[in-house]
Amino acid sequence: MRSVGTVLFLVVLATLVATGARRWRIPAPSLLVVAGLAVAMLPGTPAIHITPEIIGLVVLPPLLYASAEDVSWRELRAVWKPVSVLAVGLVLASAAVVGFVASVLTPLSWRMALVLGAILASTDPVAVTALGRRLALPPKVQTTVQAESLFNDATSLVLFRVAVSIAIAASAVSWGDAGSEFALLAGGGTLIGGAVAGVVVLIRRRTEDPVLETVVALVTPYAAYVLAEAAHTSGVTSVVVAGVVLGGRSDRLTSARIRLQLHAVYGTVVFILESVVFSLIGLSLPGLIRELGDGSRLWPLYALALAGTLIAVRMLWIFPLSALLQRQGGRRKTDWRVPAVLSWAGTRGVMPLAAALSIPVAAADGTPLHERPLVLVLTSSVVVVTLVVQGFSLAPVVRRSGIALEPDHTEREETGARLSLAEAGLRRLDELSALDAAPDVVLDRLRRALTARKEHALDRLADTDDPAESADHVYRQLRRDLILEETAELQRLYDDDRISDTTRRHLQRSLDLEEARLADT
């Protein structure tokens, strides 16, 4: 019962903090970590111990899958070169430099320092995606940040598996064996993820049941992860590949009604899991610190030094790479705004913590790994530092860079697209009318609806100078007032026993959908 109560407390705490973060426009992951630390410091708070199974098996698959599904195929093809260099080259460079600094600065042996470097080498897709939702970044920049965080985590965790095998081996491990294991983990995870995506496509094409579709969508990331881990390959790679493949085909696999339901269900799941896991990071740190020995009292300095090293390596890698790509593209003057944002978007989060928790407690010969607690503390501390420092300051960096899309730009783009859609529908109606394919009364009804949409879009495009006085703004405000009156009348009909509860719910949903459409337009 105590564990159940702890889980419920975490859900309530995380939901309240995340809701407040959204209202105050503060990065939710950063605020959740701070809240977790604050609660853990209160007298009488029990020590929170996170098991690798909770993070690796329960939390990671759906969060990775949701992040991978959001990646745009078109934008990914446009930025695959810099993403590949960042996802592989920067991970290897970060792991090597952090491992070297840790071996020199901290009491860790070179083997465990290499493990720590592999853990901290990559940015975190969960944290990056959660922070990126608040920023109106250009599509290519957003895709670069998100795709890098997905694919470099796969590279980092594969490298971590190799480093751990070296650290716990009773005998020496050759670099040839390490390279073979690297290829097996990455290649196997890619094949299994692609196979799972193929099976899911076949299933979803043959069903139109919203409940079954929802179950399949929720089970897919767990299936990809478990199957890959059972085959001793990379579960993270498998989930990422499955998510990217299915995300590019989702519109062709389901109906509009099912897509709405899946969006609502997955949005709820991701919100709860993100909220809980980031608060857990803050809650677990004090307990990990208490497990350290007296010889590791300088861990705060170690953590700050490692966090600074990660940021410095990222900047030294991204700025020259960006300058090279811009010169190859024919630019005479280098623009430093995008690389500045990319450099500062390198937050760490759930993935490093999951990797650190999965370190065995003993070597292959049974010798205890006494350095494991220090690795856990340094990992958690670096995660907290990056989430707090970079998380709270990322939005100001984006604003100062001037690369964020203005709301007017996004609104005009969407309105122009709505105008094109309405015109396409009208052209098709003219073709049907010429062929006498439908009764005139039906065609006239459809034409009136599409003409209204066209005029609605033209009105919005024409009144961008003073949107508060536009006819579109007045229409939406009046329609919201009418919906409120209709909702009150619906409730009166139900209270007077003139309609059933089923009818009330059905009509209320129709009014809710219309109100939501007014908010989105």
Protein backbone atom coordinates (compact mmCIF):
# COMPACT_ATOMS: atom_id res chain seq x y z
CA MET A 1 0.00 0.00 0.00
CA ARG A 2 2.88 2.37 0.71
CA SER A 3 4.24 1.98 -2.83
CA VAL A 4 0.77 2.59 -4.27
CA GLY A 5 0.41 5.72 -2.16
CA THR A 6 3.83 6.93 -3.31
CA VAL A 7 2.86 6.48 -6.94
CA LEU A 8 -0.41 8.34 -6.44
CA PHE A 9 1.41 11.15 -4.63
CA LEU A 10 3.89 11.43 -7.50
CA VAL A 11 1.13 11.55 -10.08
CA VAL A 12 -0.75 14.27 -8.18
CA LEU A 13 2.40 16.30 -7.48
CA ALA A 14 3.71 16.01 -11.02
CA THR A 15 0.35 16.86 -12.57
CA LEU A 16 -0.07 19.96 -10.40
CA VAL A 17 3.45 21.19 -11.12
CA ALA A 18 3.22 20.48 -14.85
CA THR A 19 -0.15 22.22 -15.04
CA GLY A 20 1.29 25.24 -13.27
CA ALA A 21 4.29 25.22 -15.61
CA ARG A 22 2.02 25.36 -18.63
CA ARG A 23 -0.01 28.21 -17.14
CA TRP A 24 3.05 30.22 -16.14
CA ARG A 25 4.88 29.33 -19.39
CA ILE A 26 7.80 27.77 -17.53
CA PRO A 27 9.59 24.68 -18.90
CA ALA A 28 7.76 21.78 -17.24
CA PRO A 29 10.77 19.38 -17.03
CA SER A 30 12.91 21.99 -15.30
CA LEU A 31 10.19 22.97 -12.84
CA LEU A 32 9.36 19.32 -12.12
CA VAL A 33 12.99 18.55 -11.26
CA VAL A 34 13.15 21.54 -8.93
CA ALA A 35 9.87 20.53 -7.30
CA GLY A 36 11.12 16.98 -6.81
CA LEU A 37 14.29 18.25 -5.16
CA ALA A 38 12.29 20.55 -2.90
CA VAL A 39 9.99 17.73 -1.76
CA ALA A 40 12.92 15.37 -1.19
CA MET A 41 14.59 17.93 1.09
CA LEU A 42 11.56 18.16 3.38
CA PRO A 43 11.96 16.42 6.76
CA GLY A 44 10.33 13.02 6.89
CA THR A 45 10.25 12.47 3.13
CA PRO A 46 11.04 8.79 2.49
CA ALA A 47 13.96 7.92 0.23
CA ILE A 48 12.89 7.25 -3.34
CA HIS A 49 14.73 4.47 -5.14
CA ILE A 50 14.11 4.06 -8.87
CA THR A 51 14.66 0.66 -10.41
CA PRO A 52 15.94 0.35 -14.00
CA GLU A 53 12.85 -1.68 -14.90
CA ILE A 54 10.55 1.26 -14.09
CA ILE A 55 12.46 3.67 -16.29
CA GLY A 56 13.63 1.31 -19.01
CA LEU A 57 10.53 -0.82 -19.46
CA VAL A 58 7.57 1.26 -18.25
CA VAL A 59 8.47 4.89 -19.00
CA LEU A 60 10.94 5.03 -21.88
CA PRO A 61 9.16 3.11 -24.70
CA PRO A 62 6.02 5.27 -25.00
CA LEU A 63 7.93 8.53 -24.54
CA LEU A 64 10.52 7.59 -27.17
CA TYR A 65 7.80 6.38 -29.51
CA ALA A 66 5.78 9.58 -29.15
CA SER A 67 8.88 11.70 -29.85
CA ALA A 68 9.82 9.58 -32.88
CA GLU A 69 6.31 9.80 -34.34
CA ASP A 70 6.53 13.61 -34.34
CA VAL A 71 9.59 13.64 -36.61
CA SER A 72 8.77 14.89 -40.11
CA TRP A 73 10.01 12.65 -42.91
CA ARG A 74 10.43 15.59 -45.27
CA GLU A 75 12.39 17.70 -42.79
CA LEU A 76 14.43 14.66 -41.72
CA ARG A 77 15.55 14.06 -45.30
CA ALA A 78 16.63 17.69 -45.51
CA VAL A 79 18.77 17.59 -42.35
CA TRP A 80 19.99 13.98 -42.32
CA LYS A 81 23.64 14.95 -42.89
CA PRO A 82 24.06 17.22 -39.82
CA VAL A 83 21.87 14.88 -37.77
CA SER A 84 24.11 11.92 -38.67
CA VAL A 85 27.25 13.84 -37.75
CA LEU A 86 25.75 14.95 -34.43
CA ALA A 87 24.17 11.60 -33.61
CA VAL A 88 27.41 9.65 -34.15
CA GLY A 89 30.41 11.97 -34.18
CA LEU A 90 29.34 14.27 -31.34
CA VAL A 91 28.32 11.31 -29.17
CA LEU A 92 31.71 9.63 -29.60
CA ALA A 93 33.57 12.91 -29.01
CA SER A 94 31.50 13.73 -25.91
CA ALA A 95 31.95 10.25 -24.48
CA ALA A 96 35.72 10.37 -25.01
CA VAL A 97 36.21 13.87 -23.55
CA VAL A 98 33.87 13.36 -20.59
CA GLY A 99 35.43 9.98 -19.88
CA PHE A 100 38.91 11.54 -19.91
CA VAL A 101 37.88 14.44 -17.66
CA ALA A 102 36.14 12.06 -15.25
CA SER A 103 39.16 9.75 -15.05
CA VAL A 104 41.46 12.70 -14.28
CA LEU A 105 39.20 14.72 -12.00
CA THR A 106 37.15 12.12 -10.11
CA PRO A 107 38.09 8.97 -8.15
CA LEU A 108 36.59 6.80 -10.92
CA SER A 109 38.76 4.29 -12.74
CA TRP A 110 39.20 4.73 -16.48
CA ARG A 111 36.73 1.91 -17.15
CA MET A 112 33.94 3.45 -15.08
CA ALA A 113 34.85 6.92 -16.38
CA LEU A 114 34.27 5.57 -19.89
CA VAL A 115 30.89 4.23 -18.77
CA LEU A 116 30.00 7.65 -17.34
CA GLY A 117 31.09 9.32 -20.59
CA ALA A 118 28.86 7.00 -22.63
CA ILE A 119 25.92 7.69 -20.31
CA LEU A 120 26.20 11.47 -20.56
CA ALA A 121 27.23 11.67 -24.22
CA SER A 122 23.83 12.27 -25.76
CA THR A 123 20.98 14.70 -25.39
CA ASP A 124 17.65 13.38 -24.19
CA PRO A 125 14.65 13.12 -26.57
CA VAL A 126 12.10 13.28 -23.76
CA ALA A 127 13.53 16.48 -22.29
CA VAL A 128 14.27 18.07 -25.67
CA THR A 129 10.79 17.30 -27.02
CA ALA A 130 9.10 18.55 -23.84
CA LEU A 131 11.10 21.80 -23.93
CA GLY A 132 10.73 22.20 -27.69
CA ARG A 133 6.92 22.18 -27.59
CA ARG A 134 7.01 25.69 -26.12
CA LEU A 135 9.32 27.15 -28.77
CA ALA A 136 8.23 28.24 -32.24
CA LEU A 137 11.41 27.03 -33.92
CA PRO A 138 11.67 26.81 -37.72
CA PRO A 139 10.79 23.31 -38.98
CA LYS A 140 14.34 22.35 -39.96
CA VAL A 141 15.80 23.50 -36.65
CA GLN A 142 13.10 21.70 -34.67
CA THR A 143 13.62 18.51 -36.67
CA THR A 144 17.40 18.72 -36.26
CA VAL A 145 17.15 19.04 -32.48
CA GLN A 146 14.51 16.33 -32.13
CA ALA A 147 16.02 13.84 -34.59
CA GLU A 148 19.47 14.28 -33.10
CA SER A 149 18.14 13.58 -29.62
CA LEU A 150 16.43 10.41 -30.85
CA PHE A 151 19.23 8.93 -32.89
CA ASN A 152 22.11 10.00 -30.66
CA ASP A 153 20.44 8.33 -27.70
CA ALA A 154 20.42 5.09 -29.65
CA THR A 155 24.14 5.59 -30.41
CA SER A 156 24.90 6.53 -26.82
CA LEU A 157 23.12 3.55 -25.28
CA VAL A 158 24.75 1.16 -27.71
CA LEU A 159 28.11 2.69 -26.77
CA PHE A 160 27.09 2.39 -23.11
CA ARG A 161 26.44 -1.33 -23.48
CA VAL A 162 29.91 -1.77 -24.96
CA ALA A 163 31.51 0.32 -22.17
CA VAL A 164 29.72 -1.66 -19.46
CA SER A 165 30.84 -4.95 -20.97
CA ILE A 166 34.41 -3.66 -20.78
CA ALA A 167 33.97 -2.42 -17.19
CA ILE A 168 32.51 -5.66 -15.78
CA ALA A 169 34.54 -8.14 -17.84
CA ALA A 170 36.84 -10.41 -15.88
CA SER A 171 39.28 -10.39 -18.80
CA ALA A 172 40.30 -7.79 -21.36
CA VAL A 173 37.89 -6.95 -24.16
CA SER A 174 39.29 -6.21 -27.60
CA TRP A 175 38.15 -3.22 -29.60
CA GLY A 176 37.22 -5.60 -32.40
CA ASP A 177 34.75 -7.36 -30.11
CA ALA A 178 33.42 -3.99 -28.99
CA GLY A 179 32.89 -2.90 -32.60
CA SER A 180 31.08 -6.17 -33.40
CA GLU A 181 28.78 -5.71 -30.41
CA PHE A 182 28.13 -2.12 -31.47
CA ALA A 183 27.08 -3.24 -34.95
CA LEU A 184 24.94 -6.08 -33.57
CA LEU A 185 23.07 -3.86 -31.12
CA ALA A 186 22.40 -1.04 -33.59
CA GLY A 187 21.69 -3.21 -36.62
CA GLY A 188 19.55 -5.68 -34.72
CA GLY A 189 17.50 -2.93 -33.12
CA THR A 190 16.92 -1.33 -36.51
CA LEU A 191 15.75 -4.60 -38.09
CA ILE A 192 13.41 -5.47 -35.21
CA GLY A 193 11.96 -1.96 -35.10
CA GLY A 194 11.29 -2.08 -38.84
CA ALA A 195 9.70 -5.54 -38.54
CA VAL A 196 7.43 -4.43 -35.69
CA ALA A 197 6.37 -1.39 -37.72
CA GLY A 198 5.55 -3.63 -40.69
CA VAL A 199 3.38 -5.93 -38.57
CA VAL A 200 1.58 -2.97 -37.03
CA VAL A 201 0.86 -1.52 -40.48
CA LEU A 202 -0.76 -4.82 -41.54
CA ILE A 203 -2.89 -4.91 -38.38
CA ARG A 204 -4.02 -1.29 -38.51
CA ARG A 205 -4.97 -1.53 -42.17
CA ARG A 206 -7.38 -4.33 -41.34
CA THR A 207 -9.22 -2.80 -38.41
CA GLU A 208 -11.46 0.21 -37.88
CA ASP A 209 -12.25 -0.43 -34.23
CA PRO A 210 -11.15 2.63 -32.21
CA VAL A 211 -10.57 0.57 -29.04
CA LEU A 212 -8.42 -1.99 -30.85
CA GLU A 213 -6.51 0.78 -32.64
CA THR A 214 -5.79 2.45 -29.30
CA VAL A 215 -4.58 -0.80 -27.76
CA VAL A 216 -2.31 -1.49 -30.74
CA ALA A 217 -0.87 2.04 -30.57
CA LEU A 218 -0.14 1.69 -26.83
CA VAL A 219 1.37 -1.78 -27.16
CA THR A 220 3.58 -1.01 -30.19
CA PRO A 221 6.47 0.73 -28.36
CA TYR A 222 6.53 -1.93 -25.64
CA ALA A 223 6.53 -4.72 -28.22
CA ALA A 224 9.41 -3.12 -30.13
CA TYR A 225 11.41 -2.60 -26.93
CA VAL A 226 10.81 -6.02 -25.35
CA LEU A 227 11.45 -7.97 -28.56
CA ALA A 228 14.71 -6.13 -29.19
CA GLU A 229 15.93 -6.58 -25.62
CA ALA A 230 14.98 -10.27 -25.70
CA ALA A 231 17.11 -10.62 -28.83
CA HIS A 232 20.01 -8.87 -27.01
CA THR A 233 19.88 -5.86 -29.33
CA SER A 234 19.06 -2.21 -28.67
CA GLY A 235 15.50 -1.70 -27.50
CA VAL A 236 15.88 2.07 -27.78
CA THR A 237 16.90 1.84 -31.42
CA SER A 238 13.99 -0.49 -32.11
CA VAL A 239 11.43 1.87 -30.58
CA VAL A 240 12.86 4.90 -32.41
CA VAL A 241 12.83 3.14 -35.79
CA ALA A 242 9.28 1.86 -35.27
CA GLY A 243 8.08 5.31 -34.23
CA VAL A 244 9.68 7.12 -37.18
CA VAL A 245 8.35 4.58 -39.71
CA LEU A 246 4.81 4.55 -38.33
CA GLY A 247 4.73 8.30 -37.75
CA GLY A 248 5.30 8.93 -41.44
CA ARG A 249 2.37 6.66 -42.38
CA SER A 250 -0.12 7.40 -39.59
CA ASP A 251 -2.44 9.55 -41.73
CA ARG A 252 -2.88 6.68 -44.21
CA LEU A 253 -3.51 4.00 -41.60
CA THR A 254 -6.44 5.39 -39.63
CA SER A 255 -9.62 7.41 -40.00
CA ALA A 256 -10.13 10.93 -38.68
CA ARG A 257 -12.17 9.73 -35.70
CA ILE A 258 -9.51 7.23 -34.66
CA ARG A 259 -6.73 9.79 -35.09
CA LEU A 260 -8.55 12.17 -32.74
CA GLN A 261 -8.92 9.44 -30.14
CA LEU A 262 -5.30 8.30 -30.43
CA HIS A 263 -4.09 11.88 -30.11
CA ALA A 264 -6.10 12.37 -26.92
CA VAL A 265 -5.06 9.05 -25.36
CA TYR A 266 -1.38 9.36 -26.20
CA GLY A 267 -1.31 12.99 -25.13
CA THR A 268 -2.62 11.96 -21.71
CA VAL A 269 -0.15 9.08 -21.36
CA VAL A 270 2.84 11.20 -22.38
CA PHE A 271 1.81 14.04 -20.06
CA ILE A 272 1.54 11.75 -17.03
CA LEU A 273 4.75 9.80 -17.73
CA GLU A 274 6.81 12.93 -18.44
CA SER A 275 5.48 14.63 -15.33
CA VAL A 276 6.22 11.67 -13.07
CA VAL A 277 9.65 10.81 -14.46
CA PHE A 278 11.08 14.33 -14.22
CA SER A 279 9.84 14.73 -10.66
CA LEU A 280 11.40 11.34 -9.85
CA ILE A 281 14.79 12.61 -11.02
CA GLY A 282 14.68 15.36 -8.42
CA LEU A 283 13.21 13.13 -5.71
CA SER A 284 15.82 10.40 -6.10
CA LEU A 285 18.96 12.57 -6.01
CA PRO A 286 19.17 13.16 -2.21
CA GLY A 287 18.82 9.42 -1.54
CA LEU A 288 21.64 8.65 -3.98
CA ILE A 289 23.85 11.26 -2.32
CA ARG A 290 23.36 9.63 1.10
CA GLU A 291 24.71 6.35 -0.29
CA LEU A 292 28.06 7.92 -1.23
CA GLY A 293 31.15 7.26 0.82
CA ASP A 294 33.26 9.88 2.56
CA GLY A 295 35.76 9.88 -0.33
CA SER A 296 33.27 11.48 -2.73
CA ARG A 297 32.41 14.70 -0.92
CA LEU A 298 33.52 16.79 -3.88
CA TRP A 299 30.78 15.39 -6.11
CA PRO A 300 29.12 18.83 -6.65
CA LEU A 301 32.34 20.15 -8.18
CA TYR A 302 32.68 17.01 -10.28
CA ALA A 303 29.11 17.38 -11.56
CA LEU A 304 29.54 21.06 -12.47
CA ALA A 305 32.82 20.31 -14.24
CA LEU A 306 31.26 17.47 -16.25
CA ALA A 307 28.21 19.56 -17.17
CA GLY A 308 30.48 22.38 -18.32
CA THR A 309 32.55 19.91 -20.32
CA LEU A 310 29.45 18.61 -22.11
CA ILE A 311 28.33 22.13 -23.03
CA ALA A 312 31.83 23.12 -24.20
CA VAL A 313 32.29 20.01 -26.35
CA ARG A 314 28.88 20.56 -27.93
CA MET A 315 29.68 24.15 -28.80
CA LEU A 316 33.13 23.29 -30.16
CA TRP A 317 31.51 20.64 -32.35
CA ILE A 318 28.40 22.46 -33.59
CA PHE A 319 29.82 25.89 -34.43
CA PRO A 320 32.55 24.67 -36.83
CA LEU A 321 30.12 22.12 -38.34
CA SER A 322 27.52 24.81 -38.94
CA ALA A 323 30.08 27.16 -40.49
CA LEU A 324 31.24 24.37 -42.83
CA LEU A 325 27.70 23.50 -43.93
CA GLN A 326 26.83 27.15 -44.54
CA ARG A 327 29.92 27.67 -46.70
CA GLN A 328 29.11 24.55 -48.69
CA GLY A 329 25.64 26.00 -49.20
CA GLY A 330 27.14 29.14 -50.79
CA ARG A 331 26.69 31.59 -47.91
CA ARG A 332 29.33 34.30 -47.73
CA LYS A 333 28.55 35.34 -44.16
CA THR A 334 28.11 32.76 -41.44
CA ASP A 335 24.90 32.96 -39.40
CA TRP A 336 25.61 32.00 -35.77
CA ARG A 337 22.01 32.16 -34.51
CA VAL A 338 20.99 28.59 -35.34
CA PRO A 339 24.18 26.96 -33.99
CA ALA A 340 23.79 28.98 -30.79
CA VAL A 341 20.30 27.53 -30.26
CA LEU A 342 21.41 24.02 -31.22
CA SER A 343 24.36 24.22 -28.81
CA TRP A 344 22.17 25.30 -25.91
CA ALA A 345 19.49 22.66 -26.62
CA GLY A 346 21.67 19.82 -25.37
CA THR A 347 19.79 19.00 -22.17
CA ARG A 348 20.12 15.59 -20.52
CA GLY A 349 17.18 13.79 -18.93
CA VAL A 350 15.53 10.40 -18.61
CA MET A 351 17.79 8.36 -20.88
CA PRO A 352 21.07 8.88 -18.97
CA LEU A 353 19.32 8.07 -15.69
CA ALA A 354 17.90 4.85 -17.12
CA ALA A 355 21.31 3.85 -18.40
CA ALA A 356 23.05 4.60 -15.09
CA LEU A 357 20.49 2.61 -13.12
CA SER A 358 21.07 -0.41 -15.34
CA ILE A 359 24.76 -0.67 -14.40
CA PRO A 360 25.30 -4.06 -12.69
CA VAL A 361 26.16 -4.01 -8.99
CA ALA A 362 29.00 -6.52 -9.47
CA ALA A 363 31.57 -7.43 -12.11
CA ALA A 364 31.62 -10.72 -13.99
CA ASP A 365 33.90 -12.28 -11.38
CA GLY A 366 31.56 -11.26 -8.53
CA THR A 367 33.58 -8.25 -7.38
CA PRO A 368 31.26 -5.42 -6.24
CA LEU A 369 31.34 -2.25 -8.34
CA HIS A 370 32.00 0.24 -5.54
CA GLU A 371 32.10 3.13 -8.02
CA ARG A 372 28.49 2.62 -9.11
CA PRO A 373 26.96 5.02 -6.49
CA LEU A 374 29.24 7.85 -7.60
CA VAL A 375 28.30 7.28 -11.25
CA LEU A 376 24.62 7.44 -10.30
CA VAL A 377 25.06 10.66 -8.33
CA LEU A 378 27.11 12.35 -11.05
CA THR A 379 24.62 11.30 -13.73
CA SER A 380 21.62 12.58 -11.78
CA SER A 381 23.43 15.79 -10.85
CA VAL A 382 24.43 16.55 -14.45
CA VAL A 383 20.86 15.87 -15.55
CA VAL A 384 19.53 18.28 -12.92
CA VAL A 385 22.10 20.96 -13.83
CA THR A 386 21.33 20.83 -17.56
CA LEU A 387 17.56 20.74 -17.03
CA VAL A 388 17.65 23.70 -14.67
CA VAL A 389 20.33 25.85 -16.30
CA GLN A 390 19.68 25.14 -19.97
CA GLY A 391 15.99 24.38 -19.54
CA PHE A 392 15.12 27.71 -17.91
CA SER A 393 17.36 29.72 -20.26
CA LEU A 394 16.60 28.01 -23.60
CA ALA A 395 13.51 30.12 -24.33
CA PRO A 396 15.40 33.43 -23.75
CA VAL A 397 18.22 32.17 -26.00
CA VAL A 398 15.70 31.39 -28.75
CA ARG A 399 14.05 34.80 -28.35
CA ARG A 400 17.37 36.64 -28.49
CA SER A 401 18.47 34.66 -31.55
CA GLY A 402 15.45 35.90 -33.46
CA ILE A 403 14.92 32.59 -35.29
CA ALA A 404 11.58 31.76 -33.66
CA LEU A 405 8.62 31.95 -36.00
CA GLU A 406 6.29 34.84 -35.34
CA PRO A 407 2.66 33.91 -34.55
CA ASP A 408 1.52 35.98 -37.57
CA HIS A 409 3.71 33.90 -39.88
CA THR A 410 2.24 30.63 -38.65
CA GLU A 411 -1.31 31.99 -38.78
CA ARG A 412 -0.96 33.28 -42.35
CA GLU A 413 0.57 29.99 -43.50
CA GLU A 414 -2.31 28.01 -41.98
CA THR A 415 -4.96 30.39 -43.32
CA GLY A 416 -3.46 30.25 -46.80
CA ALA A 417 -3.55 26.46 -46.66
CA ARG A 418 -7.22 26.55 -45.59
CA LEU A 419 -7.98 28.80 -48.57
CA SER A 420 -6.27 26.35 -50.95
CA LEU A 421 -8.22 23.42 -49.47
CA ALA A 422 -11.54 25.22 -49.91
CA GLU A 423 -10.70 26.15 -53.51
CA ALA A 424 -9.72 22.54 -54.27
CA GLY A 425 -13.06 21.36 -52.91
CA LEU A 426 -14.95 23.91 -55.03
CA ARG A 427 -13.10 22.81 -58.17
CA ARG A 428 -14.06 19.21 -57.50
CA LEU A 429 -17.69 20.26 -56.96
CA ASP A 430 -17.71 22.01 -60.35
CA GLU A 431 -16.50 18.76 -61.95
CA LEU A 432 -19.24 16.75 -60.21
CA SER A 433 -21.85 19.29 -61.20
CA ALA A 434 -20.83 19.07 -64.87
CA LEU A 435 -21.13 15.29 -64.74
CA ASP A 436 -24.51 15.37 -62.93
CA ALA A 437 -22.96 13.01 -60.37
CA ALA A 438 -25.21 14.19 -57.52
CA PRO A 439 -28.49 16.08 -57.00
CA ASP A 440 -28.25 19.86 -57.32
CA VAL A 441 -29.59 20.38 -53.80
CA VAL A 442 -26.69 18.34 -52.37
CA LEU A 443 -24.11 20.10 -54.52
CA ASP A 444 -25.50 23.52 -53.56
CA ARG A 445 -25.33 22.64 -49.87
CA LEU A 446 -21.70 21.56 -50.19
CA ARG A 447 -20.87 24.63 -52.27
CA ARG A 448 -22.31 26.96 -49.64
CA ALA A 449 -20.22 25.30 -46.92
CA LEU A 450 -16.99 25.49 -48.95
CA THR A 451 -17.71 29.06 -50.03
CA ALA A 452 -18.16 30.02 -46.39
CA ARG A 453 -14.79 28.45 -45.56
CA LYS A 454 -13.17 30.29 -48.46
CA GLU A 455 -14.63 33.63 -47.39
CA HIS A 456 -13.61 32.87 -43.81
CA ALA A 457 -9.99 32.37 -44.93
CA LEU A 458 -10.01 35.47 -47.15
CA ASP A 459 -11.37 37.52 -44.28
CA ARG A 460 -8.58 36.40 -41.99
CA LEU A 461 -5.92 37.14 -44.61
CA ALA A 462 -7.38 40.59 -45.26
CA ASP A 463 -7.68 41.64 -41.62
CA THR A 464 -4.23 40.82 -40.26
CA ASP A 465 -3.51 44.48 -39.46
CA ASP A 466 -6.22 44.65 -36.81
CA PRO A 467 -7.44 41.12 -36.05
CA ALA A 468 -9.49 42.26 -33.06
CA GLU A 469 -11.79 44.24 -35.41
CA SER A 470 -12.03 41.62 -38.20
CA ALA A 471 -15.34 40.05 -39.10
CA ASP A 472 -13.79 36.66 -38.44
CA HIS A 473 -12.92 37.62 -34.86
CA VAL A 474 -16.43 38.98 -34.25
CA TYR A 475 -18.01 35.85 -35.74
CA ARG A 476 -16.03 33.51 -33.53
CA GLN A 477 -16.78 35.53 -30.41
CA LEU A 478 -20.50 35.59 -31.14
CA ARG A 479 -20.57 31.90 -31.99
CA ARG A 480 -18.91 31.08 -28.66
CA ASP A 481 -21.60 33.09 -26.89
CA LEU A 482 -24.29 31.18 -28.79
CA ILE A 483 -22.68 27.85 -27.88
CA LEU A 484 -22.77 28.83 -24.21
CA GLU A 485 -26.50 29.57 -24.52
CA GLU A 486 -27.10 26.28 -26.37
CA THR A 487 -25.20 24.41 -23.66
CA ALA A 488 -27.37 25.99 -20.96
CA GLU A 489 -30.52 25.10 -22.90
CA LEU A 490 -29.31 21.52 -23.32
CA GLN A 491 -28.81 21.26 -19.57
CA ARG A 492 -32.32 22.64 -18.96
CA LEU A 493 -33.82 20.04 -21.30
CA TYR A 494 -32.03 17.31 -19.38
CA ASP A 495 -33.04 18.70 -15.97
CA ASP A 496 -36.69 18.77 -17.12
CA ASP A 497 -36.49 15.08 -18.17
CA ARG A 498 -37.23 15.96 -21.79
CA ILE A 499 -34.14 14.19 -23.13
CA SER A 500 -32.10 11.18 -22.01
CA ASP A 501 -28.55 11.28 -20.73
CA THR A 502 -27.35 9.58 -23.92
CA THR A 503 -28.86 12.34 -26.04
CA ARG A 504 -27.43 15.01 -23.75
CA ARG A 505 -23.91 13.56 -23.96
CA HIS A 506 -24.09 13.19 -27.74
CA LEU A 507 -25.24 16.78 -28.32
CA GLN A 508 -22.78 18.14 -25.77
CA ARG A 509 -19.93 16.44 -27.61
CA SER A 510 -21.08 18.09 -30.86
CA LEU A 511 -21.06 21.49 -29.19
CA ASP A 512 -17.65 20.80 -27.64
CA LEU A 513 -16.18 19.82 -31.02
CA GLU A 514 -17.51 23.00 -32.62
CA GLU A 515 -16.12 25.14 -29.80
CA ALA A 516 -12.75 23.41 -30.15
CA ARG A 517 -12.76 24.10 -33.89
CA LEU A 518 -13.45 27.78 -33.19
CA ALA A 519 -10.45 27.85 -30.85
CA ASP A 520 -8.21 26.25 -33.48
CA THR A 521 -9.20 28.59 -36.31
